[in-house]
PDB file of N, CA and C in Angstrom:
ATOM      1  N   UNK A   1       0.714  -1.096  -0.081  1.00  0.00           N
ATOM      2  CA  UNK A   1      -0.066  -0.085  -0.005  1.00  0.00           C
ATOM      3  C   UNK A   1       0.855   0.947  -0.019  1.00  0.00           C
ATOM      4  N   UNK A   2       2.045   1.046  -0.175  1.00  0.00           N
ATOM      5  CA  UNK A   2       2.911   2.372  -0.161  1.00  0.00           C
ATOM      6  C   UNK A   2       2.636   3.307  -1.294  1.00  0.00           C
ATOM      7  N   UNK A   3       2.183   2.953  -2.443  1.00  0.00           N
ATOM      8  CA  UNK A   3       2.129   3.741  -3.676  1.00  0.00           C
ATOM      9  C   UNK A   3       0.711   4.255  -3.631  1.00  0.00           C
ATOM     10  N   UNK A   4      -0.197   4.171  -2.581  1.00  0.00           N
ATOM     11  CA  UNK A   4      -1.429   4.770  -2.653  1.00  0.00           C
ATOM     12  C   UNK A   4      -1.590   5.894  -1.523  1.00  0.00           C
ATOM     13  N   UNK A   5      -1.956   7.034  -1.950  1.00  0.00           N
ATOM     14  CA  UNK A   5      -2.097   8.135  -0.752  1.00  0.00           C
ATOM     15  C   UNK A   5      -3.513   7.850  -0.176  1.00  0.00           C
ATOM     16  N   UNK A   6      -3.914   8.273   0.965  1.00  0.00           N
ATOM     17  CA  UNK A   6      -5.146   8.421   1.691  1.00  0.00           C
ATOM     18  C   UNK A   6      -6.263   8.845   0.700  1.00  0.00           C
ATOM     19  N   UNK A   7      -5.924   9.799  -0.056  1.00  0.00           N
ATOM     20  CA  UNK A   7      -7.098  10.358  -1.002  1.00  0.00           C
ATOM     21  C   UNK A   7      -7.213   9.471  -2.152  1.00  0.00           C
ATOM     22  N   UNK A   8      -6.257   8.978  -2.594  1.00  0.00           N
ATOM     23  CA  UNK A   8      -6.490   7.898  -3.715  1.00  0.00           C
ATOM     24  C   UNK A   8      -7.310   6.798  -3.296  1.00  0.00           C
ATOM     25  N   UNK A   9      -6.992   6.250  -1.993  1.00  0.00           N
ATOM     26  CA  UNK A   9      -7.813   5.037  -1.322  1.00  0.00           C
ATOM     27  C   UNK A   9      -9.314   5.520  -1.262  1.00  0.00           C
ATOM     28  N   UNK A  10      -9.428   6.841  -0.950  1.00  0.00           N
ATOM     29  CA  UNK A  10     -10.849   7.273  -0.446  1.00  0.00           C
ATOM     30  C   UNK A  10     -11.586   7.420  -1.800  1.00  0.00           C
ATOM     31  N   UNK A  11     -10.974   7.732  -2.966  1.00  0.00           N
ATOM     32  CA  UNK A  11     -11.440   7.866  -4.082  1.00  0.00           C
ATOM     33  C   UNK A  11     -11.933   6.509  -4.802  1.00  0.00           C
ATOM     34  N   UNK A  12     -11.230   5.619  -4.447  1.00  0.00           N
ATOM     35  CA  UNK A  12     -11.482   4.271  -5.165  1.00  0.00           C
ATOM     36  C   UNK A  12     -12.636   3.628  -4.257  1.00  0.00           C
ATOM     37  N   UNK A  13     -12.829   3.990  -3.044  1.00  0.00           N
ATOM     38  CA  UNK A  13     -13.913   3.470  -2.160  1.00  0.00           C
ATOM     39  C   UNK A  13     -15.237   4.075  -2.840  1.00  0.00           C
ATOM     40  N   UNK A  14     -15.175   5.591  -2.732  1.00  0.00           N
ATOM     41  CA  UNK A  14     -16.139   6.235  -3.198  1.00  0.00           C
ATOM     42  C   UNK A  14     -16.484   5.781  -4.540  1.00  0.00           C
ATOM     43  N   UNK A  15     -15.789   5.657  -5.479  1.00  0.00           N
ATOM     44  CA  UNK A  15     -16.126   5.292  -6.766  1.00  0.00           C
ATOM     45  C   UNK A  15     -16.841   4.047  -6.549  1.00  0.00           C
ATOM     46  N   UNK A  16     -16.399   3.036  -5.980  1.00  0.00           N
ATOM     47  CA  UNK A  16     -17.228   1.709  -6.005  1.00  0.00           C
ATOM     48  C   UNK A  16     -18.610   1.927  -5.361  1.00  0.00           C
ATOM     49  N   UNK A  17     -18.646   2.651  -4.295  1.00  0.00           N
ATOM     50  CA  UNK A  17     -19.881   2.760  -3.479  1.00  0.00           C
ATOM     51  C   UNK A  17     -20.915   3.712  -4.492  1.00  0.00           C
ATOM     52  N   UNK A  18     -20.426   4.466  -5.151  1.00  0.00           N
ATOM     53  CA  UNK A  18     -21.121   5.349  -6.104  1.00  0.00           C
ATOM     54  C   UNK A  18     -21.744   4.758  -7.104  1.00  0.00           C
ATOM     55  N   UNK A  19     -20.955   3.779  -7.865  1.00  0.00           N
ATOM     56  CA  UNK A  19     -21.356   2.889  -8.613  1.00  0.00           C
ATOM     57  C   UNK A  19     -22.584   1.866  -8.228  1.00  0.00           C
ATOM     58  N   UNK A  20     -22.345   1.353  -6.958  1.00  0.00           N
ATOM     59  CA  UNK A  20     -23.495   0.477  -6.291  1.00  0.00           C
ATOM     60  C   UNK A  20     -24.547   1.392  -6.285  1.00  0.00           C
ATOM     61  N   UNK A  21     -24.462   2.597  -5.904  1.00  0.00           N
ATOM     62  CA  UNK A  21     -25.537   3.431  -5.578  1.00  0.00           C
ATOM     63  C   UNK A  21     -26.519   3.882  -6.835  1.00  0.00           C
ATOM     64  N   UNK A  22     -25.746   3.955  -8.083  1.00  0.00           N
ATOM     65  CA  UNK A  22     -26.172   4.163  -9.433  1.00  0.00           C
ATOM     66  C   UNK A  22     -26.973   2.883  -9.779  1.00  0.00           C
ATOM     67  N   UNK A  23     -26.129   1.812  -9.662  1.00  0.00           N
ATOM     68  CA  UNK A  23     -26.933   0.393  -9.906  1.00  0.00           C
ATOM     69  C   UNK A  23     -28.316   0.476  -9.050  1.00  0.00           C
ATOM     70  N   UNK A  24     -28.333   0.834  -7.860  1.00  0.00           N
ATOM     71  CA  UNK A  24     -29.581   0.707  -7.032  1.00  0.00           C
ATOM     72  C   UNK A  24     -30.836   1.613  -7.603  1.00  0.00           C
ATOM     73  N   UNK A  25     -30.230   2.801  -7.971  1.00  0.00           N
ATOM     74  CA  UNK A  25     -31.185   3.648  -8.541  1.00  0.00           C
ATOM     75  C   UNK A  25     -31.922   3.208  -9.948  1.00  0.00           C
ATOM     76  N   UNK A  26     -31.026   2.568 -10.737  1.00  0.00           N
ATOM     77  CA  UNK A  26     -31.370   2.088 -11.861  1.00  0.00           C
ATOM     78  C   UNK A  26     -32.489   1.058 -11.774  1.00  0.00           C
ATOM     79  N   UNK A  27     -31.826  -0.039 -10.772  1.00  0.00           N
ATOM     80  CA  UNK A  27     -33.047  -0.802 -10.309  1.00  0.00           C
ATOM     81  C   UNK A  27     -34.356  -0.608 -10.096  1.00  0.00           C
ATOM     82  N   UNK A  28     -34.064   0.468  -9.096  1.00  0.00           N
ATOM     83  CA  UNK A  28     -35.426   0.856  -8.434  1.00  0.00           C
ATOM     84  C   UNK A  28     -36.201   1.681  -9.443  1.00  0.00           C
ATOM     85  N   UNK A  29     -35.584   2.153 -10.468  1.00  0.00           N
ATOM     86  CA  UNK A  29     -36.554   2.509 -11.746  1.00  0.00           C
ATOM     87  C   UNK A  29     -37.150   1.451 -12.361  1.00  0.00           C
ATOM     88  N   UNK A  30     -36.464   0.574 -12.538  1.00  0.00           N
ATOM     89  CA  UNK A  30     -36.961  -0.478 -13.673  1.00  0.00           C
ATOM     90  C   UNK A  30     -38.251  -1.071 -12.805  1.00  0.00           C
ATOM     91  N   UNK A  31     -38.064  -1.507 -11.245  1.00  0.00           N
ATOM     92  CA  UNK A  31     -39.065  -2.117 -10.562  1.00  0.00           C
ATOM     93  C   UNK A  31     -40.165  -0.984 -10.245  1.00  0.00           C
ATOM     94  N   UNK A  32     -39.971   0.326 -10.267  1.00  0.00           N
ATOM     95  CA  UNK A  32     -40.972   1.207 -10.073  1.00  0.00           C
ATOM     96  C   UNK A  32     -41.796   1.273 -11.349  1.00  0.00           C
ATOM     97  N   UNK A  33     -41.473   0.793 -12.494  1.00  0.00           N
ATOM     98  CA  UNK A  33     -42.166   0.977 -13.742  1.00  0.00           C
ATOM     99  C   UNK A  33     -43.397   0.177 -13.526  1.00  0.00           C
ATOM    100  N   UNK A  34     -43.432  -1.031 -12.819  1.00  0.00           N
ATOM    101  CA  UNK A  34     -44.669  -1.722 -12.537  1.00  0.00           C
ATOM    102  C   UNK A  34     -45.464  -1.322 -11.423  1.00  0.00           C
ATOM    103  N   UNK A  35     -45.274  -0.152 -10.745  1.00  0.00           N
ATOM    104  CA  UNK A  35     -45.939   0.675  -9.801  1.00  0.00           C
ATOM    105  C   UNK A  35     -47.204   1.476 -10.385  1.00  0.00           C
ATOM    106  N   UNK A  36     -48.125   1.115  -9.732  1.00  0.00           N
ATOM    107  CA  UNK A  36     -49.197   1.926 -10.296  1.00  0.00           C
ATOM    108  C   UNK A  36     -50.005   2.534  -9.206  1.00  0.00           C
ATOM    109  N   UNK A  37     -50.815   3.658  -9.655  1.00  0.00           N
ATOM    110  CA  UNK A  37     -51.673   4.237  -8.487  1.00  0.00           C
ATOM    111  C   UNK A  37     -52.948   4.138  -8.864  1.00  0.00           C
ATOM    112  N   UNK A  38     -53.545   3.056  -8.662  1.00  0.00           N
ATOM    113  CA  UNK A  38     -54.973   2.589  -8.555  1.00  0.00           C
ATOM    114  C   UNK A  38     -55.489   1.845  -7.432  1.00  0.00           C
ATOM    115  N   UNK A  39     -56.798   1.870  -7.371  1.00  0.00           N
ATOM    116  CA  UNK A  39     -57.519   1.174  -6.456  1.00  0.00           C
ATOM    117  C   UNK A  39     -58.291  -0.103  -7.075  1.00  0.00           C
ATOM    118  N   UNK A  40     -57.962  -1.272  -6.423  1.00  0.00           N
ATOM    119  CA  UNK A  40     -58.373  -2.489  -6.980  1.00  0.00           C
ATOM    120  C   UNK A  40     -59.965  -2.663  -6.180  1.00  0.00           C
ATOM    121  N   UNK A  41     -61.109  -2.803  -6.972  1.00  0.00           N
ATOM    122  CA  UNK A  41     -62.344  -2.657  -6.381  1.00  0.00           C
ATOM    123  C   UNK A  41     -62.941  -4.366  -6.521  1.00  0.00           C
ATOM    124  N   UNK A  42     -62.543  -4.816  -7.558  1.00  0.00           N
ATOM    125  CA  UNK A  42     -63.154  -6.203  -7.918  1.00  0.00           C
ATOM    126  C   UNK A  42     -62.319  -7.388  -7.610  1.00  0.00           C
ATOM    127  N   UNK A  43     -63.047  -8.358  -7.242  1.00  0.00           N
ATOM    128  CA  UNK A  43     -62.186  -9.612  -6.902  1.00  0.00           C
ATOM    129  C   UNK A  43     -61.414 -10.296  -7.917  1.00  0.00           C
ATOM    130  N   UNK A  44     -61.738  -9.705  -9.175  1.00  0.00           N
ATOM    131  CA  UNK A  44     -61.059 -10.410 -10.378  1.00  0.00           C
ATOM    132  C   UNK A  44     -59.660  -9.894 -10.526  1.00  0.00           C
ATOM    133  N   UNK A  45     -59.637  -8.703  -9.768  1.00  0.00           N
ATOM    134  CA  UNK A  45     -58.401  -7.858  -9.877  1.00  0.00           C
ATOM    135  C   UNK A  45     -57.493  -8.142  -8.645  1.00  0.00           C
ATOM    136  N   UNK A  46     -57.797  -8.938  -7.878  1.00  0.00           N
ATOM    137  CA  UNK A  46     -57.211  -9.376  -6.544  1.00  0.00           C
ATOM    138  C   UNK A  46     -55.598  -9.936  -7.053  1.00  0.00           C
ATOM    139  N   UNK A  47     -55.507 -10.535  -7.974  1.00  0.00           N
ATOM    140  CA  UNK A  47     -53.992 -10.691  -8.492  1.00  0.00           C
ATOM    141  C   UNK A  47     -53.156  -9.514  -8.711  1.00  0.00           C
ATOM    142  N   UNK A  48     -53.856  -8.722  -9.404  1.00  0.00           N
ATOM    143  CA  UNK A  48     -53.012  -7.419  -9.707  1.00  0.00           C
ATOM    144  C   UNK A  48     -52.793  -6.839  -8.420  1.00  0.00           C
ATOM    145  N   UNK A  49     -53.753  -6.872  -7.427  1.00  0.00           N
ATOM    146  CA  UNK A  49     -53.488  -6.190  -6.110  1.00  0.00           C
ATOM    147  C   UNK A  49     -52.397  -6.603  -5.443  1.00  0.00           C
ATOM    148  N   UNK A  50     -51.975  -7.891  -5.713  1.00  0.00           N
ATOM    149  CA  UNK A  50     -50.964  -8.814  -4.853  1.00  0.00           C
ATOM    150  C   UNK A  50     -49.701  -8.417  -5.511  1.00  0.00           C
ATOM    151  N   UNK A  51     -49.804  -8.107  -6.938  1.00  0.00           N
ATOM    152  CA  UNK A  51     -48.591  -7.911  -7.763  1.00  0.00           C
ATOM    153  C   UNK A  51     -48.378  -6.387  -7.055  1.00  0.00           C
ATOM    154  N   UNK A  52     -49.023  -5.609  -7.018  1.00  0.00           N
ATOM    155  CA  UNK A  52     -48.843  -4.308  -6.540  1.00  0.00           C
ATOM    156  C   UNK A  52     -48.172  -4.122  -5.170  1.00  0.00           C
ATOM    157  N   UNK A  53     -48.658  -4.929  -4.342  1.00  0.00           N
ATOM    158  CA  UNK A  53     -48.231  -4.986  -2.798  1.00  0.00           C
ATOM    159  C   UNK A  53     -46.877  -5.572  -2.798  1.00  0.00           C
ATOM    160  N   UNK A  54     -46.571  -6.546  -3.819  1.00  0.00           N
ATOM    161  CA  UNK A  54     -45.234  -7.134  -3.614  1.00  0.00           C
ATOM    162  C   UNK A  54     -44.142  -6.170  -4.146  1.00  0.00           C
ATOM    163  N   UNK A  55     -44.760  -5.316  -5.257  1.00  0.00           N
ATOM    164  CA  UNK A  55     -43.790  -4.340  -5.874  1.00  0.00           C
ATOM    165  C   UNK A  55     -43.570  -3.018  -4.823  1.00  0.00           C
ATOM    166  N   UNK A  56     -44.646  -2.761  -3.925  1.00  0.00           N
ATOM    167  CA  UNK A  56     -44.125  -1.629  -3.109  1.00  0.00           C
ATOM    168  C   UNK A  56     -43.409  -2.075  -2.201  1.00  0.00           C
ATOM    169  N   UNK A  57     -43.540  -3.425  -1.569  1.00  0.00           N
ATOM    170  CA  UNK A  57     -42.361  -3.970  -0.690  1.00  0.00           C
ATOM    171  C   UNK A  57     -40.982  -4.017  -1.226  1.00  0.00           C
ATOM    172  N   UNK A  58     -40.877  -4.242  -2.420  1.00  0.00           N
ATOM    173  CA  UNK A  58     -39.663  -4.271  -3.052  1.00  0.00           C
ATOM    174  C   UNK A  58     -38.986  -2.988  -3.046  1.00  0.00           C
ATOM    175  N   UNK A  59     -39.925  -1.948  -3.370  1.00  0.00           N
ATOM    176  CA  UNK A  59     -39.328  -0.523  -3.538  1.00  0.00           C
ATOM    177  C   UNK A  59     -39.148   0.156  -2.155  1.00  0.00           C
ATOM    178  N   UNK A  60     -39.965  -0.243  -1.264  1.00  0.00           N
ATOM    179  CA  UNK A  60     -39.470   0.054   0.406  1.00  0.00           C
ATOM    180  C   UNK A  60     -38.209  -0.468   0.835  1.00  0.00           C
ATOM    181  N   UNK A  61     -37.930  -1.698   0.382  1.00  0.00           N
ATOM    182  CA  UNK A  61     -36.523  -2.379   0.821  1.00  0.00           C
ATOM    183  C   UNK A  61     -35.448  -1.560  -0.117  1.00  0.00           C
ATOM    184  N   UNK A  62     -35.606  -1.328  -1.188  1.00  0.00           N
ATOM    185  CA  UNK A  62     -34.765  -0.735  -2.198  1.00  0.00           C
ATOM    186  C   UNK A  62     -34.584   0.766  -1.631  1.00  0.00           C
ATOM    187  N   UNK A  63     -35.535   1.532  -1.308  1.00  0.00           N
ATOM    188  CA  UNK A  63     -35.345   2.831  -0.621  1.00  0.00           C
ATOM    189  C   UNK A  63     -34.269   2.892   0.718  1.00  0.00           C
ATOM    190  N   UNK A  64     -34.598   1.940   1.267  1.00  0.00           N
ATOM    191  CA  UNK A  64     -33.844   1.702   2.399  1.00  0.00           C
ATOM    192  C   UNK A  64     -32.102   1.621   2.106  1.00  0.00           C
ATOM    193  N   UNK A  65     -31.990   0.641   1.210  1.00  0.00           N
ATOM    194  CA  UNK A  65     -30.643   0.403   0.903  1.00  0.00           C
ATOM    195  C   UNK A  65     -30.247   1.765   0.061  1.00  0.00           C
ATOM    196  N   UNK A  66     -31.024   2.336  -0.643  1.00  0.00           N
ATOM    197  CA  UNK A  66     -30.464   3.677  -1.460  1.00  0.00           C
ATOM    198  C   UNK A  66     -30.212   4.672  -0.367  1.00  0.00           C
ATOM    199  N   UNK A  67     -30.878   4.879   0.566  1.00  0.00           N
ATOM    200  CA  UNK A  67     -30.484   5.747   1.554  1.00  0.00           C
ATOM    201  C   UNK A  67     -29.184   5.479   2.313  1.00  0.00           C
ATOM    202  N   UNK A  68     -29.024   4.229   2.717  1.00  0.00           N
ATOM    203  CA  UNK A  68     -27.630   3.837   3.580  1.00  0.00           C
ATOM    204  C   UNK A  68     -26.488   4.051   2.492  1.00  0.00           C
ATOM    205  N   UNK A  69     -26.601   3.542   1.461  1.00  0.00           N
ATOM    206  CA  UNK A  69     -25.587   3.896   0.524  1.00  0.00           C
ATOM    207  C   UNK A  69     -25.272   5.114  -0.063  1.00  0.00           C
ATOM    208  N   UNK A  70     -26.364   5.989  -0.177  1.00  0.00           N
ATOM    209  CA  UNK A  70     -26.456   7.413  -0.469  1.00  0.00           C
ATOM    210  C   UNK A  70     -25.590   8.061   0.760  1.00  0.00           C
ATOM    211  N   UNK A  71     -25.893   7.853   1.896  1.00  0.00           N
ATOM    212  CA  UNK A  71     -25.102   8.438   3.415  1.00  0.00           C
ATOM    213  C   UNK A  71     -23.778   8.165   3.291  1.00  0.00           C
ATOM    214  N   UNK A  72     -23.516   6.663   2.902  1.00  0.00           N
ATOM    215  CA  UNK A  72     -21.926   6.134   2.911  1.00  0.00           C
ATOM    216  C   UNK A  72     -21.167   7.155   1.863  1.00  0.00           C
ATOM    217  N   UNK A  73     -21.716   7.186   0.594  1.00  0.00           N
ATOM    218  CA  UNK A  73     -21.235   7.903  -0.396  1.00  0.00           C
ATOM    219  C   UNK A  73     -20.854   9.432   0.167  1.00  0.00           C
ATOM    220  N   UNK A  74     -21.905  10.090   0.564  1.00  0.00           N
ATOM    221  CA  UNK A  74     -21.571  11.502   0.905  1.00  0.00           C
ATOM    222  C   UNK A  74     -20.527  11.444   2.122  1.00  0.00           C
ATOM    223  N   UNK A  75     -20.536  10.641   2.884  1.00  0.00           N
ATOM    224  CA  UNK A  75     -19.649  10.431   3.966  1.00  0.00           C
ATOM    225  C   UNK A  75     -18.153  10.670   3.441  1.00  0.00           C
ATOM    226  N   UNK A  76     -18.004   9.469   2.609  1.00  0.00           N
ATOM    227  CA  UNK A  76     -16.768   9.268   1.804  1.00  0.00           C
ATOM    228  C   UNK A  76     -16.437  10.614   0.747  1.00  0.00           C
ATOM    229  N   UNK A  77     -17.244  11.204   0.217  1.00  0.00           N
ATOM    230  CA  UNK A  77     -17.103  12.411  -0.276  1.00  0.00           C
ATOM    231  C   UNK A  77     -16.562  13.747   0.492  1.00  0.00           C
ATOM    232  N   UNK A  78     -17.048  13.799   1.803  1.00  0.00           N
ATOM    233  CA  UNK A  78     -16.600  14.842   2.600  1.00  0.00           C
ATOM    234  C   UNK A  78     -15.361  14.354   3.149  1.00  0.00           C
ATOM    235  N   UNK A  79     -15.179  13.087   3.353  1.00  0.00           N
ATOM    236  CA  UNK A  79     -13.751  12.686   4.041  1.00  0.00           C
ATOM    237  C   UNK A  79     -12.627  12.866   2.793  1.00  0.00           C
ATOM    238  N   UNK A  80     -13.054  12.794   1.636  1.00  0.00           N
ATOM    239  CA  UNK A  80     -11.976  13.163   0.381  1.00  0.00           C
ATOM    240  C   UNK A  80     -11.816  14.704   0.517  1.00  0.00           C
ATOM    241  N   UNK A  81     -12.864  15.513   0.614  1.00  0.00           N
ATOM    242  CA  UNK A  81     -12.663  16.803   0.700  1.00  0.00           C
ATOM    243  C   UNK A  81     -11.644  17.294   1.869  1.00  0.00           C
ATOM    244  N   UNK A  82     -12.006  16.646   3.034  1.00  0.00           N
ATOM    245  CA  UNK A  82     -11.164  17.001   4.094  1.00  0.00           C
ATOM    246  C   UNK A  82      -9.696  16.470   3.819  1.00  0.00           C
ATOM    247  N   UNK A  83      -9.511  15.499   3.497  1.00  0.00           N
ATOM    248  CA  UNK A  83      -7.988  14.970   3.216  1.00  0.00           C
ATOM    249  C   UNK A  83      -7.522  15.958   2.017  1.00  0.00           C
ATOM    250  N   UNK A  84      -8.205  16.278   0.998  1.00  0.00           N
ATOM    251  CA  UNK A  84      -7.780  17.189   0.144  1.00  0.00           C
ATOM    252  C   UNK A  84      -7.261  18.515   0.750  1.00  0.00           C
ATOM    253  N   UNK A  85      -8.144  19.070   1.492  1.00  0.00           N
ATOM    254  CA  UNK A  85      -7.849  20.357   2.034  1.00  0.00           C
ATOM    255  C   UNK A  85      -6.671  20.059   2.987  1.00  0.00           C
ATOM    256  N   UNK A  86      -6.751  18.987   3.749  1.00  0.00           N
ATOM    257  CA  UNK A  86      -5.556  18.920   4.825  1.00  0.00           C
ATOM    258  C   UNK A  86      -4.038  18.810   4.097  1.00  0.00           C
ATOM    259  N   UNK A  87      -4.057  18.173   3.063  1.00  0.00           N
ATOM    260  CA  UNK A  87      -2.963  17.909   2.196  1.00  0.00           C
ATOM    261  C   UNK A  87      -2.631  19.414   1.512  1.00  0.00           C
ATOM    262  N   UNK A  88      -3.559  20.162   1.106  1.00  0.00           N
ATOM    263  CA  UNK A  88      -3.269  21.491   0.470  1.00  0.00           C
ATOM    264  C   UNK A  88      -2.724  22.471   1.461  1.00  0.00           C
ATOM    265  N   UNK A  89      -3.197  22.407   2.853  1.00  0.00           N
ATOM    266  CA  UNK A  89      -2.929  23.241   3.945  1.00  0.00           C
ATOM    267  C   UNK A  89      -1.358  22.798   4.521  1.00  0.00           C
ATOM    268  N   UNK A  90      -1.201  21.450   4.629  1.00  0.00           N
ATOM    269  CA  UNK A  90      -0.018  20.997   5.186  1.00  0.00           C
ATOM    270  C   UNK A  90       0.705  20.032   4.291  1.00  0.00           C
ATOM    271  N   UNK A  91       1.306  20.716   3.127  1.00  0.00           N
ATOM    272  CA  UNK A  91       2.128  19.626   2.246  1.00  0.00           C
ATOM    273  C   UNK A  91       3.256  19.147   2.765  1.00  0.00           C
ATOM    274  N   UNK A  92       3.643  17.909   2.531  1.00  0.00           N
ATOM    275  CA  UNK A  92       4.767  17.288   3.090  1.00  0.00           C
ATOM    276  C   UNK A  92       6.027  17.652   2.064  1.00  0.00           C
ATOM    277  N   UNK A  93       6.978  17.803   2.839  1.00  0.00           N
ATOM    278  CA  UNK A  93       8.183  18.367   2.172  1.00  0.00           C
ATOM    279  C   UNK A  93       9.198  17.074   1.926  1.00  0.00           C
ATOM    280  N   UNK A  94       9.538  16.709   0.917  1.00  0.00           N
ATOM    281  CA  UNK A  94      10.199  15.718   0.443  1.00  0.00           C
ATOM    282  C   UNK A  94      11.485  16.062  -0.244  1.00  0.00           C
ATOM    283  N   UNK A  95      12.465  15.546  -0.184  1.00  0.00           N
ATOM    284  CA  UNK A  95      13.691  15.716  -0.697  1.00  0.00           C
ATOM    285  C   UNK A  95      14.559  16.560  -0.053  1.00  0.00           C
TER     286      UNK A  95
END
């Protein structure tokens, strides 16, 4: 790990987390396509109602993961900014 600075490692972690975040957003959009805003009044539409309930459950779980991964991505971004500022204020003298 001698060749990697803390900023480079944070950038790598942040990149991975952000790619996961984008993938979750895309997956949520795909799942959300099947989400409909309607009321099912007939017994014949009970199967569609069950599909809607399952879709809403999946979206709720995805939203929870999106929040967690989004917060982690934000924390890593702030950490990168802090390390960058620290390195700018206190440059190491070599040579």
